[in-house]
Amino acid sequence: MINDRGNKKWTAIMIPEHVAMLKEVKKEYYAVEKPILDEQQIEENGFKLMMAHKDILLIEVKHYKDYGLHHCKGYIDSINYQYKYIKLVSKLGHDNLIKIKFEDTINVSIL
């Protein structure tokens, strides 16, 4: 059986520039393009966000961040219409605030 350690074995003889380039190539390889939403989906997401904010409902938001898709669950703390973002908290308190832009929101589900 071959006991290979992958890149770990070679990092001792690699210069820092090579390590940085390898990380960049890996990041580009796993990058996901941002999906384009139609007007109906954007309007539906906005309606669900307003309803969840008004009735204090638990939601799951699928959003685009750092070349990938992420999921967040929580309650809406506030909606800022001027700067176009929502603040999501994991509990009803004010811990773990997550700021999500409207244009990065892909899907909103009320749980």
C-alpha atoms as a PDB file:
ATOM      1  CA  MET A   1       0.000   0.000   0.000  1.00  0.00           C
ATOM      2  CA  ILE A   2       1.313   3.428  -0.960  1.00  0.00           C
ATOM      3  CA  ASN A   3       1.253   5.953   1.858  1.00  0.00           C
ATOM      4  CA  ASP A   4       1.127   9.253  -0.081  1.00  0.00           C
ATOM      5  CA  ARG A   5       0.716  12.601   1.679  1.00  0.00           C
ATOM      6  CA  GLY A   6      -0.181  14.642  -1.423  1.00  0.00           C
ATOM      7  CA  ASN A   7       1.022  18.262  -1.485  1.00  0.00           C
ATOM      8  CA  LYS A   8       2.127  18.097   2.144  1.00  0.00           C
ATOM      9  CA  LYS A   9       5.175  16.096   1.091  1.00  0.00           C
ATOM     10  CA  TRP A  10       6.351  18.739  -1.387  1.00  0.00           C
ATOM     11  CA  THR A  11       5.628  21.988   0.488  1.00  0.00           C
ATOM     12  CA  ALA A  12       8.967  21.855   2.301  1.00  0.00           C
ATOM     13  CA  ILE A  13      10.858  22.398  -0.963  1.00  0.00           C
ATOM     14  CA  MET A  14       8.355  24.799  -2.537  1.00  0.00           C
ATOM     15  CA  ILE A  15       8.802  28.540  -2.327  1.00  0.00           C
ATOM     16  CA  PRO A  16       5.914  30.600  -0.885  1.00  0.00           C
ATOM     17  CA  GLU A  17       4.988  31.944  -4.336  1.00  0.00           C
ATOM     18  CA  HIS A  18       4.346  28.398  -5.574  1.00  0.00           C
ATOM     19  CA  VAL A  19       2.173  27.609  -2.562  1.00  0.00           C
ATOM     20  CA  ALA A  20       0.166  30.807  -3.170  1.00  0.00           C
ATOM     21  CA  MET A  21      -0.265  29.957  -6.858  1.00  0.00           C
ATOM     22  CA  LEU A  22      -1.469  26.443  -5.995  1.00  0.00           C
ATOM     23  CA  LYS A  23      -4.065  27.892  -3.598  1.00  0.00           C
ATOM     24  CA  GLU A  24      -5.210  30.349  -6.283  1.00  0.00           C
ATOM     25  CA  VAL A  25      -5.549  27.590  -8.901  1.00  0.00           C
ATOM     26  CA  LYS A  26      -7.536  25.466  -6.451  1.00  0.00           C
ATOM     27  CA  LYS A  27      -9.815  28.428  -5.673  1.00  0.00           C
ATOM     28  CA  GLU A  28     -10.447  29.067  -9.393  1.00  0.00           C
ATOM     29  CA  TYR A  29     -11.111  25.379 -10.044  1.00  0.00           C
ATOM     30  CA  TYR A  30     -13.880  25.169  -7.439  1.00  0.00           C
ATOM     31  CA  ALA A  31     -15.387  28.595  -8.248  1.00  0.00           C
ATOM     32  CA  VAL A  32     -19.097  28.739  -9.081  1.00  0.00           C
ATOM     33  CA  GLU A  33     -20.657  31.340 -11.367  1.00  0.00           C
ATOM     34  CA  LYS A  34     -23.316  33.574  -9.874  1.00  0.00           C
ATOM     35  CA  PRO A  35     -26.758  32.478 -11.112  1.00  0.00           C
ATOM     36  CA  ILE A  36     -28.919  35.009 -12.927  1.00  0.00           C
ATOM     37  CA  LEU A  37     -32.435  35.329 -11.495  1.00  0.00           C
ATOM     38  CA  ASP A  38     -35.531  36.417 -13.393  1.00  0.00           C
ATOM     39  CA  GLU A  39     -37.852  39.158 -12.122  1.00  0.00           C
ATOM     40  CA  GLN A  40     -40.420  36.707 -10.782  1.00  0.00           C
ATOM     41  CA  GLN A  41     -37.853  34.944  -8.552  1.00  0.00           C
ATOM     42  CA  ILE A  42     -36.500  38.280  -7.265  1.00  0.00           C
ATOM     43  CA  GLU A  43     -40.021  39.455  -6.440  1.00  0.00           C
ATOM     44  CA  GLU A  44     -40.861  36.159  -4.696  1.00  0.00           C
ATOM     45  CA  ASN A  45     -37.683  36.383  -2.590  1.00  0.00           C
ATOM     46  CA  GLY A  46     -38.568  39.963  -1.587  1.00  0.00           C
ATOM     47  CA  PHE A  47     -42.102  38.945  -0.620  1.00  0.00           C
ATOM     48  CA  LYS A  48     -40.823  36.056   1.533  1.00  0.00           C
ATOM     49  CA  LEU A  49     -38.276  38.325   3.222  1.00  0.00           C
ATOM     50  CA  MET A  50     -40.926  40.942   4.087  1.00  0.00           C
ATOM     51  CA  MET A  51     -43.334  38.282   5.382  1.00  0.00           C
ATOM     52  CA  ALA A  52     -40.620  36.611   7.489  1.00  0.00           C
ATOM     53  CA  HIS A  53     -39.551  39.974   8.919  1.00  0.00           C
ATOM     54  CA  LYS A  54     -43.125  40.990   9.774  1.00  0.00           C
ATOM     55  CA  ASP A  55     -44.125  37.660  11.372  1.00  0.00           C
ATOM     56  CA  ILE A  56     -40.681  36.791  12.866  1.00  0.00           C
ATOM     57  CA  LEU A  57     -40.343  33.511  10.955  1.00  0.00           C
ATOM     58  CA  LEU A  58     -37.321  31.238  10.644  1.00  0.00           C
ATOM     59  CA  ILE A  59     -35.895  31.331   7.121  1.00  0.00           C
ATOM     60  CA  GLU A  60     -33.115  29.721   5.118  1.00  0.00           C
ATOM     61  CA  VAL A  61     -31.312  31.969   2.660  1.00  0.00           C
ATOM     62  CA  LYS A  62     -29.207  30.614  -0.174  1.00  0.00           C
ATOM     63  CA  HIS A  63     -26.758  33.321  -1.242  1.00  0.00           C
ATOM     64  CA  TYR A  64     -23.661  33.826  -3.381  1.00  0.00           C
ATOM     65  CA  LYS A  65     -20.438  34.767  -1.606  1.00  0.00           C
ATOM     66  CA  ASP A  66     -16.727  34.309  -2.369  1.00  0.00           C
ATOM     67  CA  TYR A  67     -17.285  32.417  -5.649  1.00  0.00           C
ATOM     68  CA  GLY A  68     -19.569  29.851  -3.999  1.00  0.00           C
ATOM     69  CA  LEU A  69     -23.126  29.234  -2.815  1.00  0.00           C
ATOM     70  CA  HIS A  70     -23.796  29.363   0.933  1.00  0.00           C
ATOM     71  CA  HIS A  71     -26.825  28.552   3.106  1.00  0.00           C
ATOM     72  CA  CYS A  72     -27.802  30.470   6.268  1.00  0.00           C
ATOM     73  CA  LYS A  73     -30.666  29.823   8.682  1.00  0.00           C
ATOM     74  CA  GLY A  74     -32.003  32.414  11.060  1.00  0.00           C
ATOM     75  CA  TYR A  75     -34.375  35.260  11.770  1.00  0.00           C
ATOM     76  CA  ILE A  76     -34.319  38.648  10.058  1.00  0.00           C
ATOM     77  CA  ASP A  77     -32.968  41.346  12.358  1.00  0.00           C
ATOM     78  CA  SER A  78     -33.422  44.221   9.910  1.00  0.00           C
ATOM     79  CA  ILE A  79     -33.908  45.044   6.245  1.00  0.00           C
ATOM     80  CA  ASN A  80     -32.079  48.100   4.898  1.00  0.00           C
ATOM     81  CA  TYR A  81     -33.785  49.261   1.701  1.00  0.00           C
ATOM     82  CA  GLN A  82     -31.422  52.189   1.134  1.00  0.00           C
ATOM     83  CA  TYR A  83     -28.224  50.098   0.996  1.00  0.00           C
ATOM     84  CA  LYS A  84     -30.079  46.935  -0.134  1.00  0.00           C
ATOM     85  CA  TYR A  85     -29.115  44.301   2.426  1.00  0.00           C
ATOM     86  CA  ILE A  86     -30.641  42.206   5.202  1.00  0.00           C
ATOM     87  CA  LYS A  87     -29.203  41.297   8.591  1.00  0.00           C
ATOM     88  CA  LEU A  88     -29.833  37.718   9.638  1.00  0.00           C
ATOM     89  CA  VAL A  89     -29.347  36.417  13.198  1.00  0.00           C
ATOM     90  CA  SER A  90     -29.135  32.776  14.207  1.00  0.00           C
ATOM     91  CA  LYS A  91     -31.213  33.369  17.363  1.00  0.00           C
ATOM     92  CA  LEU A  92     -33.686  36.024  18.437  1.00  0.00           C
ATOM     93  CA  GLY A  93     -30.827  37.748  20.275  1.00  0.00           C
ATOM     94  CA  HIS A  94     -28.137  39.794  18.544  1.00  0.00           C
ATOM     95  CA  ASP A  95     -25.391  37.186  18.208  1.00  0.00           C
ATOM     96  CA  ASN A  96     -23.999  35.917  14.910  1.00  0.00           C
ATOM     97  CA  LEU A  97     -25.182  38.731  12.631  1.00  0.00           C
ATOM     98  CA  ILE A  98     -24.855  37.906   8.933  1.00  0.00           C
ATOM     99  CA  LYS A  99     -25.155  40.682   6.356  1.00  0.00           C
ATOM    100  CA  ILE A 100     -26.511  39.558   2.948  1.00  0.00           C
ATOM    101  CA  LYS A 101     -26.954  41.866  -0.047  1.00  0.00           C
ATOM    102  CA  PHE A 102     -30.190  41.696  -2.033  1.00  0.00           C
ATOM    103  CA  GLU A 103     -28.321  41.058  -5.286  1.00  0.00           C
ATOM    104  CA  ASP A 104     -26.466  38.090  -3.747  1.00  0.00           C
ATOM    105  CA  THR A 105     -29.665  36.392  -2.564  1.00  0.00           C
ATOM    106  CA  ILE A 106     -30.476  33.341  -4.698  1.00  0.00           C
ATOM    107  CA  ASN A 107     -33.377  31.702  -2.841  1.00  0.00           C
ATOM    108  CA  VAL A 108     -35.382  32.305   0.359  1.00  0.00           C
ATOM    109  CA  SER A 109     -37.279  29.472   2.076  1.00  0.00           C
ATOM    110  CA  ILE A 110     -39.574  29.920   5.062  1.00  0.00           C
ATOM    111  CA  LEU A 111     -39.130  27.026   7.493  1.00  0.00           C
END
